[in-house]
């Protein structure tokens, strides 16, 4: 699947920051969906599934450039972070 404008904005924002915590990723995802009138689920569980598919779409498109958005967990705080 090719990337829509919402995916491109998400990726551009991610590239400018490099590292985001889980809360920032969810907020960025919400902002991108609302800006381009994309489907955005209100239930938290649905949001997680949609966000996962959203990131998978981006990863499939940036994989030829040896790039990937990955999730990691801080050993000290146990907090989730995402990086490019």
PDB file of N, CA and C in Angstrom:
ATOM      1  N   UNK A   1       0.844  -1.175   0.000  1.00  0.00           N
ATOM      2  CA  UNK A   1       0.000   0.000   0.000  1.00  0.00           C
ATOM      3  C   UNK A   1       0.895   1.246   0.000  1.00  0.00           C
ATOM      4  N   UNK A   2       0.551   2.183  -0.828  1.00  0.00           N
ATOM      5  CA  UNK A   2       1.338   3.412  -0.872  1.00  0.00           C
ATOM      6  C   UNK A   2       0.927   4.338   0.267  1.00  0.00           C
ATOM      7  N   UNK A   3       1.810   5.255   0.572  1.00  0.00           N
ATOM      8  CA  UNK A   3       1.558   6.161   1.687  1.00  0.00           C
ATOM      9  C   UNK A   3       0.636   7.297   1.264  1.00  0.00           C
ATOM     10  N   UNK A   4      -0.262   7.642   2.161  1.00  0.00           N
ATOM     11  CA  UNK A   4      -1.142   8.789   1.979  1.00  0.00           C
ATOM     12  C   UNK A   4      -0.443  10.006   2.586  1.00  0.00           C
ATOM     13  N   UNK A   5      -1.057  11.164   2.421  1.00  0.00           N
ATOM     14  CA  UNK A   5      -0.485  12.387   2.979  1.00  0.00           C
ATOM     15  C   UNK A   5      -0.334  12.307   4.495  1.00  0.00           C
ATOM     16  N   UNK A   6      -1.255  11.613   5.159  1.00  0.00           N
ATOM     17  CA  UNK A   6      -1.160  11.469   6.617  1.00  0.00           C
ATOM     18  C   UNK A   6       0.092  10.685   7.008  1.00  0.00           C
ATOM     19  N   UNK A   7       0.419   9.644   6.240  1.00  0.00           N
ATOM     20  CA  UNK A   7       1.636   8.865   6.491  1.00  0.00           C
ATOM     21  C   UNK A   7       2.877   9.730   6.284  1.00  0.00           C
ATOM     22  N   UNK A   8       2.844  10.518   5.213  1.00  0.00           N
ATOM     23  CA  UNK A   8       4.002  11.358   4.892  1.00  0.00           C
ATOM     24  C   UNK A   8       4.248  12.415   5.960  1.00  0.00           C
ATOM     25  N   UNK A   9       3.177  13.031   6.450  1.00  0.00           N
ATOM     26  CA  UNK A   9       3.323  14.023   7.520  1.00  0.00           C
ATOM     27  C   UNK A   9       3.863  13.369   8.788  1.00  0.00           C
ATOM     28  N   UNK A  10       3.349  12.200   9.113  1.00  0.00           N
ATOM     29  CA  UNK A  10       3.808  11.458  10.288  1.00  0.00           C
ATOM     30  C   UNK A  10       5.305  11.171  10.167  1.00  0.00           C
ATOM     31  N   UNK A  11       5.715  10.672   9.008  1.00  0.00           N
ATOM     32  CA  UNK A  11       7.121  10.339   8.785  1.00  0.00           C
ATOM     33  C   UNK A  11       8.008  11.580   8.833  1.00  0.00           C
ATOM     34  N   UNK A  12       7.582  12.650   8.201  1.00  0.00           N
ATOM     35  CA  UNK A  12       8.362  13.889   8.221  1.00  0.00           C
ATOM     36  C   UNK A  12       8.524  14.410   9.645  1.00  0.00           C
ATOM     37  N   UNK A  13       7.448  14.382  10.406  1.00  0.00           N
ATOM     38  CA  UNK A  13       7.513  14.826  11.801  1.00  0.00           C
ATOM     39  C   UNK A  13       8.428  13.929  12.611  1.00  0.00           C
ATOM     40  N   UNK A  14       8.339  12.637  12.347  1.00  0.00           N
ATOM     41  CA  UNK A  14       9.184  11.671  13.053  1.00  0.00           C
ATOM     42  C   UNK A  14      10.653  11.904  12.716  1.00  0.00           C
ATOM     43  N   UNK A  15      10.940  12.153  11.449  1.00  0.00           N
ATOM     44  CA  UNK A  15      12.325  12.360  11.020  1.00  0.00           C
ATOM     45  C   UNK A  15      12.927  13.611  11.655  1.00  0.00           C
ATOM     46  N   UNK A  16      12.109  14.620  11.872  1.00  0.00           N
ATOM     47  CA  UNK A  16      12.629  15.852  12.461  1.00  0.00           C
ATOM     48  C   UNK A  16      12.921  15.694  13.948  1.00  0.00           C
ATOM     49  N   UNK A  17      12.299  14.723  14.586  1.00  0.00           N
ATOM     50  CA  UNK A  17      12.489  14.522  16.031  1.00  0.00           C
ATOM     51  C   UNK A  17      13.385  13.327  16.344  1.00  0.00           C
ATOM     52  N   UNK A  18      13.266  12.258  15.568  1.00  0.00           N
ATOM     53  CA  UNK A  18      14.111  11.093  15.756  1.00  0.00           C
ATOM     54  C   UNK A  18      13.668  10.125  16.835  1.00  0.00           C
ATOM     55  N   UNK A  19      13.268  10.637  17.987  1.00  0.00           N
ATOM     56  CA  UNK A  19      12.869   9.790  19.107  1.00  0.00           C
ATOM     57  C   UNK A  19      11.632  10.395  19.757  1.00  0.00           C
ATOM     58  N   UNK A  20      10.608   9.562  19.920  1.00  0.00           N
ATOM     59  CA  UNK A  20       9.368  10.013  20.556  1.00  0.00           C
ATOM     60  C   UNK A  20       8.923   8.967  21.565  1.00  0.00           C
ATOM     61  N   UNK A  21       8.294   9.420  22.641  1.00  0.00           N
ATOM     62  CA  UNK A  21       7.729   8.438  23.569  1.00  0.00           C
ATOM     63  C   UNK A  21       6.355   8.017  23.043  1.00  0.00           C
ATOM     64  N   UNK A  22       5.779   6.995  23.637  1.00  0.00           N
ATOM     65  CA  UNK A  22       4.521   6.420  23.146  1.00  0.00           C
ATOM     66  C   UNK A  22       3.394   7.449  23.117  1.00  0.00           C
ATOM     67  N   UNK A  23       3.338   8.307  24.112  1.00  0.00           N
ATOM     68  CA  UNK A  23       2.289   9.326  24.162  1.00  0.00           C
ATOM     69  C   UNK A  23       2.420  10.300  22.997  1.00  0.00           C
ATOM     70  N   UNK A  24       3.638  10.709  22.696  1.00  0.00           N
ATOM     71  CA  UNK A  24       3.883  11.633  21.581  1.00  0.00           C
ATOM     72  C   UNK A  24       3.526  10.988  20.243  1.00  0.00           C
ATOM     73  N   UNK A  25       3.800   9.695  20.104  1.00  0.00           N
ATOM     74  CA  UNK A  25       3.471   8.985  18.868  1.00  0.00           C
ATOM     75  C   UNK A  25       1.961   8.937  18.682  1.00  0.00           C
ATOM     76  N   UNK A  26       1.233   8.641  19.744  1.00  0.00           N
ATOM     77  CA  UNK A  26      -0.236   8.603  19.656  1.00  0.00           C
ATOM     78  C   UNK A  26      -0.800   9.975  19.316  1.00  0.00           C
ATOM     79  N   UNK A  27      -0.237  11.024  19.908  1.00  0.00           N
ATOM     80  CA  UNK A  27      -0.702  12.384  19.614  1.00  0.00           C
ATOM     81  C   UNK A  27      -0.398  12.766  18.171  1.00  0.00           C
ATOM     82  N   UNK A  28       0.790  12.422  17.698  1.00  0.00           N
ATOM     83  CA  UNK A  28       1.167  12.713  16.318  1.00  0.00           C
ATOM     84  C   UNK A  28       0.260  11.963  15.351  1.00  0.00           C
ATOM     85  N   UNK A  29       0.000  10.700  15.641  1.00  0.00           N
ATOM     86  CA  UNK A  29      -0.890   9.889  14.809  1.00  0.00           C
ATOM     87  C   UNK A  29      -2.283  10.524  14.737  1.00  0.00           C
ATOM     88  N   UNK A  30      -2.805  10.930  15.876  1.00  0.00           N
ATOM     89  CA  UNK A  30      -4.128  11.562  15.940  1.00  0.00           C
ATOM     90  C   UNK A  30      -4.144  12.853  15.114  1.00  0.00           C
ATOM     91  N   UNK A  31      -3.129  13.675  15.284  1.00  0.00           N
ATOM     92  CA  UNK A  31      -3.031  14.941  14.549  1.00  0.00           C
ATOM     93  C   UNK A  31      -3.005  14.697  13.043  1.00  0.00           C
ATOM     94  N   UNK A  32      -2.227  13.731  12.595  1.00  0.00           N
ATOM     95  CA  UNK A  32      -2.120  13.428  11.166  1.00  0.00           C
ATOM     96  C   UNK A  32      -3.450  12.913  10.608  1.00  0.00           C
ATOM     97  N   UNK A  33      -4.120  12.056  11.352  1.00  0.00           N
ATOM     98  CA  UNK A  33      -5.413  11.533  10.898  1.00  0.00           C
ATOM     99  C   UNK A  33      -6.449  12.643  10.794  1.00  0.00           C
ATOM    100  N   UNK A  34      -6.531  13.470  11.813  1.00  0.00           N
ATOM    101  CA  UNK A  34      -7.539  14.532  11.820  1.00  0.00           C
ATOM    102  C   UNK A  34      -7.255  15.586  10.746  1.00  0.00           C
ATOM    103  N   UNK A  35      -5.996  15.882  10.518  1.00  0.00           N
ATOM    104  CA  UNK A  35      -5.627  16.893   9.510  1.00  0.00           C
ATOM    105  C   UNK A  35      -6.078  16.486   8.111  1.00  0.00           C
ATOM    106  N   UNK A  36      -5.994  15.199   7.815  1.00  0.00           N
ATOM    107  CA  UNK A  36      -6.339  14.714   6.477  1.00  0.00           C
ATOM    108  C   UNK A  36      -7.649  13.925   6.451  1.00  0.00           C
ATOM    109  N   UNK A  37      -8.481  14.111   7.464  1.00  0.00           N
ATOM    110  CA  UNK A  37      -9.796  13.467   7.555  1.00  0.00           C
ATOM    111  C   UNK A  37      -9.728  11.950   7.379  1.00  0.00           C
ATOM    112  N   UNK A  38      -8.710  11.358   7.990  1.00  0.00           N
ATOM    113  CA  UNK A  38      -8.545   9.904   7.969  1.00  0.00           C
ATOM    114  C   UNK A  38      -9.350   9.297   9.117  1.00  0.00           C
ATOM    115  N   UNK A  39      -9.644   8.033   8.992  1.00  0.00           N
ATOM    116  CA  UNK A  39     -10.362   7.314  10.040  1.00  0.00           C
ATOM    117  C   UNK A  39      -9.512   7.297  11.316  1.00  0.00           C
ATOM    118  N   UNK A  40     -10.127   7.708  12.415  1.00  0.00           N
ATOM    119  CA  UNK A  40      -9.439   7.699  13.711  1.00  0.00           C
ATOM    120  C   UNK A  40     -10.384   7.097  14.736  1.00  0.00           C
ATOM    121  N   UNK A  41      -9.989   6.001  15.331  1.00  0.00           N
ATOM    122  CA  UNK A  41     -10.828   5.300  16.301  1.00  0.00           C
ATOM    123  C   UNK A  41     -10.794   5.999  17.655  1.00  0.00           C
ATOM    124  N   UNK A  42     -11.904   6.043  18.310  1.00  0.00           N
ATOM    125  CA  UNK A  42     -11.985   6.661  19.633  1.00  0.00           C
ATOM    126  C   UNK A  42     -11.603   5.687  20.746  1.00  0.00           C
ATOM    127  N   UNK A  43     -11.864   4.397  20.542  1.00  0.00           N
ATOM    128  CA  UNK A  43     -11.524   3.399  21.557  1.00  0.00           C
ATOM    129  C   UNK A  43     -10.020   3.138  21.540  1.00  0.00           C
ATOM    130  N   UNK A  44      -9.433   3.065  22.720  1.00  0.00           N
ATOM    131  CA  UNK A  44      -7.983   2.905  22.834  1.00  0.00           C
ATOM    132  C   UNK A  44      -7.487   1.629  22.154  1.00  0.00           C
ATOM    133  N   UNK A  45      -8.218   0.546  22.306  1.00  0.00           N
ATOM    134  CA  UNK A  45      -7.789  -0.718  21.709  1.00  0.00           C
ATOM    135  C   UNK A  45      -7.816  -0.643  20.183  1.00  0.00           C
ATOM    136  N   UNK A  46      -8.831   0.009  19.632  1.00  0.00           N
ATOM    137  CA  UNK A  46      -8.908   0.190  18.180  1.00  0.00           C
ATOM    138  C   UNK A  46      -7.795   1.115  17.697  1.00  0.00           C
ATOM    139  N   UNK A  47      -7.487   2.124  18.489  1.00  0.00           N
ATOM    140  CA  UNK A  47      -6.415   3.059  18.136  1.00  0.00           C
ATOM    141  C   UNK A  47      -5.089   2.325  17.992  1.00  0.00           C
ATOM    142  N   UNK A  48      -4.810   1.422  18.923  1.00  0.00           N
ATOM    143  CA  UNK A  48      -3.555   0.674  18.883  1.00  0.00           C
ATOM    144  C   UNK A  48      -3.439  -0.144  17.605  1.00  0.00           C
ATOM    145  N   UNK A  49      -4.532  -0.804  17.220  1.00  0.00           N
ATOM    146  CA  UNK A  49      -4.524  -1.622  16.004  1.00  0.00           C
ATOM    147  C   UNK A  49      -4.340  -0.752  14.766  1.00  0.00           C
ATOM    148  N   UNK A  50      -5.023   0.379  14.716  1.00  0.00           N
ATOM    149  CA  UNK A  50      -4.911   1.282  13.579  1.00  0.00           C
ATOM    150  C   UNK A  50      -3.512   1.889  13.501  1.00  0.00           C
ATOM    151  N   UNK A  51      -2.963   2.282  14.654  1.00  0.00           N
ATOM    152  CA  UNK A  51      -1.615   2.853  14.684  1.00  0.00           C
ATOM    153  C   UNK A  51      -0.591   1.825  14.220  1.00  0.00           C
ATOM    154  N   UNK A  52      -0.749   0.596  14.657  1.00  0.00           N
ATOM    155  CA  UNK A  52       0.172  -0.471  14.252  1.00  0.00           C
ATOM    156  C   UNK A  52       0.153  -0.644  12.733  1.00  0.00           C
ATOM    157  N   UNK A  53      -1.021  -0.685  12.140  1.00  0.00           N
ATOM    158  CA  UNK A  53      -1.125  -0.828  10.687  1.00  0.00           C
ATOM    159  C   UNK A  53      -0.587   0.416   9.969  1.00  0.00           C
ATOM    160  N   UNK A  54      -0.826   1.582  10.550  1.00  0.00           N
ATOM    161  CA  UNK A  54      -0.341   2.847  10.011  1.00  0.00           C
ATOM    162  C   UNK A  54       1.192   2.836   9.930  1.00  0.00           C
ATOM    163  N   UNK A  55       1.840   2.407  11.013  1.00  0.00           N
ATOM    164  CA  UNK A  55       3.305   2.349  11.065  1.00  0.00           C
ATOM    165  C   UNK A  55       3.837   1.247  10.135  1.00  0.00           C
ATOM    166  N   UNK A  56       3.121   0.143  10.044  1.00  0.00           N
ATOM    167  CA  UNK A  56       3.543  -0.930   9.128  1.00  0.00           C
ATOM    168  C   UNK A  56       3.558  -0.442   7.683  1.00  0.00           C
ATOM    169  N   UNK A  57       2.549   0.345   7.324  1.00  0.00           N
ATOM    170  CA  UNK A  57       2.491   0.905   5.968  1.00  0.00           C
ATOM    171  C   UNK A  57       3.703   1.790   5.713  1.00  0.00           C
ATOM    172  N   UNK A  58       4.028   2.624   6.672  1.00  0.00           N
ATOM    173  CA  UNK A  58       5.205   3.489   6.529  1.00  0.00           C
ATOM    174  C   UNK A  58       6.467   2.638   6.417  1.00  0.00           C
ATOM    175  N   UNK A  59       6.598   1.658   7.300  1.00  0.00           N
ATOM    176  CA  UNK A  59       7.804   0.817   7.292  1.00  0.00           C
ATOM    177  C   UNK A  59       7.982   0.071   5.972  1.00  0.00           C
ATOM    178  N   UNK A  60       6.881  -0.409   5.382  1.00  0.00           N
ATOM    179  CA  UNK A  60       6.985  -1.094   4.086  1.00  0.00           C
ATOM    180  C   UNK A  60       7.520  -0.144   3.007  1.00  0.00           C
ATOM    181  N   UNK A  61       7.160   1.114   3.108  1.00  0.00           N
ATOM    182  CA  UNK A  61       7.568   2.086   2.095  1.00  0.00           C
ATOM    183  C   UNK A  61       8.973   2.637   2.311  1.00  0.00           C
ATOM    184  N   UNK A  62       9.466   2.622   3.530  1.00  0.00           N
ATOM    185  CA  UNK A  62      10.811   3.151   3.784  1.00  0.00           C
ATOM    186  C   UNK A  62      11.863   2.044   3.896  1.00  0.00           C
ATOM    187  N   UNK A  63      11.423   0.799   3.888  1.00  0.00           N
ATOM    188  CA  UNK A  63      12.337  -0.343   4.002  1.00  0.00           C
ATOM    189  C   UNK A  63      13.400  -0.345   2.905  1.00  0.00           C
ATOM    190  N   UNK A  64      13.078   0.007   1.638  1.00  0.00           N
ATOM    191  CA  UNK A  64      14.130   0.027   0.611  1.00  0.00           C
ATOM    192  C   UNK A  64      15.273   1.000   0.916  1.00  0.00           C
ATOM    193  N   UNK A  65      15.040   1.939   1.823  1.00  0.00           N
ATOM    194  CA  UNK A  65      16.071   2.908   2.212  1.00  0.00           C
ATOM    195  C   UNK A  65      16.773   2.485   3.507  1.00  0.00           C
ATOM    196  N   UNK A  66      16.541   1.233   3.910  1.00  0.00           N
ATOM    197  CA  UNK A  66      17.130   0.663   5.119  1.00  0.00           C
ATOM    198  C   UNK A  66      16.746   1.480   6.355  1.00  0.00           C
ATOM    199  N   UNK A  67      15.487   1.870   6.398  1.00  0.00           N
ATOM    200  CA  UNK A  67      14.950   2.627   7.531  1.00  0.00           C
ATOM    201  C   UNK A  67      13.747   1.880   8.087  1.00  0.00           C
ATOM    202  N   UNK A  68      13.458   2.134   9.370  1.00  0.00           N
ATOM    203  CA  UNK A  68      12.317   1.492  10.010  1.00  0.00           C
ATOM    204  C   UNK A  68      11.988   2.248  11.288  1.00  0.00           C
ATOM    205  N   UNK A  69      10.712   2.359  11.571  1.00  0.00           N
ATOM    206  CA  UNK A  69      10.278   2.896  12.857  1.00  0.00           C
ATOM    207  C   UNK A  69      10.175   1.711  13.798  1.00  0.00           C
ATOM    208  N   UNK A  70      10.894   1.794  14.914  1.00  0.00           N
ATOM    209  CA  UNK A  70      10.928   0.687  15.870  1.00  0.00           C
ATOM    210  C   UNK A  70      10.556   1.166  17.257  1.00  0.00           C
ATOM    211  N   UNK A  71       9.998   0.246  18.021  1.00  0.00           N
ATOM    212  CA  UNK A  71       9.619   0.514  19.404  1.00  0.00           C
ATOM    213  C   UNK A  71      10.652  -0.118  20.323  1.00  0.00           C
ATOM    214  N   UNK A  72      10.991   0.609  21.377  1.00  0.00           N
ATOM    215  CA  UNK A  72      11.897   0.097  22.388  1.00  0.00           C
ATOM    216  C   UNK A  72      11.393   0.487  23.763  1.00  0.00           C
ATOM    217  N   UNK A  73      11.913  -0.176  24.767  1.00  0.00           N
ATOM    218  CA  UNK A  73      11.500   0.097  26.143  1.00  0.00           C
ATOM    219  C   UNK A  73      12.729   0.487  26.959  1.00  0.00           C
ATOM    220  N   UNK A  74      12.620   1.592  27.676  1.00  0.00           N
ATOM    221  CA  UNK A  74      13.703   2.060  28.529  1.00  0.00           C
ATOM    222  C   UNK A  74      13.913   1.071  29.668  1.00  0.00           C
ATOM    223  N   UNK A  75      15.148   0.656  29.873  1.00  0.00           N
ATOM    224  CA  UNK A  75      15.448  -0.285  30.948  1.00  0.00           C
ATOM    225  C   UNK A  75      15.297   0.369  32.319  1.00  0.00           C
ATOM    226  N   UNK A  76      15.552   1.664  32.398  1.00  0.00           N
ATOM    227  CA  UNK A  76      15.492   2.358  33.678  1.00  0.00           C
ATOM    228  C   UNK A  76      14.067   2.676  34.104  1.00  0.00           C
ATOM    229  N   UNK A  77      13.274   3.203  33.158  1.00  0.00           N
ATOM    230  CA  UNK A  77      11.929   3.668  33.486  1.00  0.00           C
ATOM    231  C   UNK A  77      10.828   2.692  33.087  1.00  0.00           C
ATOM    232  N   UNK A  78      11.119   1.816  32.142  1.00  0.00           N
ATOM    233  CA  UNK A  78      10.105   0.900  31.611  1.00  0.00           C
ATOM    234  C   UNK A  78       9.159   1.607  30.640  1.00  0.00           C
ATOM    235  N   UNK A  79       9.534   2.801  30.220  1.00  0.00           N
ATOM    236  CA  UNK A  79       8.730   3.622  29.334  1.00  0.00           C
ATOM    237  C   UNK A  79       8.990   3.243  27.871  1.00  0.00           C
ATOM    238  N   UNK A  80       7.928   3.252  27.038  1.00  0.00           N
ATOM    239  CA  UNK A  80       8.070   2.913  25.623  1.00  0.00           C
ATOM    240  C   UNK A  80       8.493   4.130  24.818  1.00  0.00           C
ATOM    241  N   UNK A  81       9.412   3.895  23.882  1.00  0.00           N
ATOM    242  CA  UNK A  81       9.888   4.928  22.976  1.00  0.00           C
ATOM    243  C   UNK A  81       9.882   4.372  21.557  1.00  0.00           C
ATOM    244  N   UNK A  82       9.757   5.262  20.605  1.00  0.00           N
ATOM    245  CA  UNK A  82       9.821   4.896  19.189  1.00  0.00           C
ATOM    246  C   UNK A  82      10.938   5.692  18.550  1.00  0.00           C
ATOM    247  N   UNK A  83      11.684   5.064  17.667  1.00  0.00           N
ATOM    248  CA  UNK A  83      12.761   5.762  16.976  1.00  0.00           C
ATOM    249  C   UNK A  83      12.767   5.369  15.506  1.00  0.00           C
ATOM    250  N   UNK A  84      13.426   6.183  14.729  1.00  0.00           N
ATOM    251  CA  UNK A  84      13.540   5.929  13.298  1.00  0.00           C
ATOM    252  C   UNK A  84      14.956   5.492  13.009  1.00  0.00           C
TER     253      UNK A  84
END
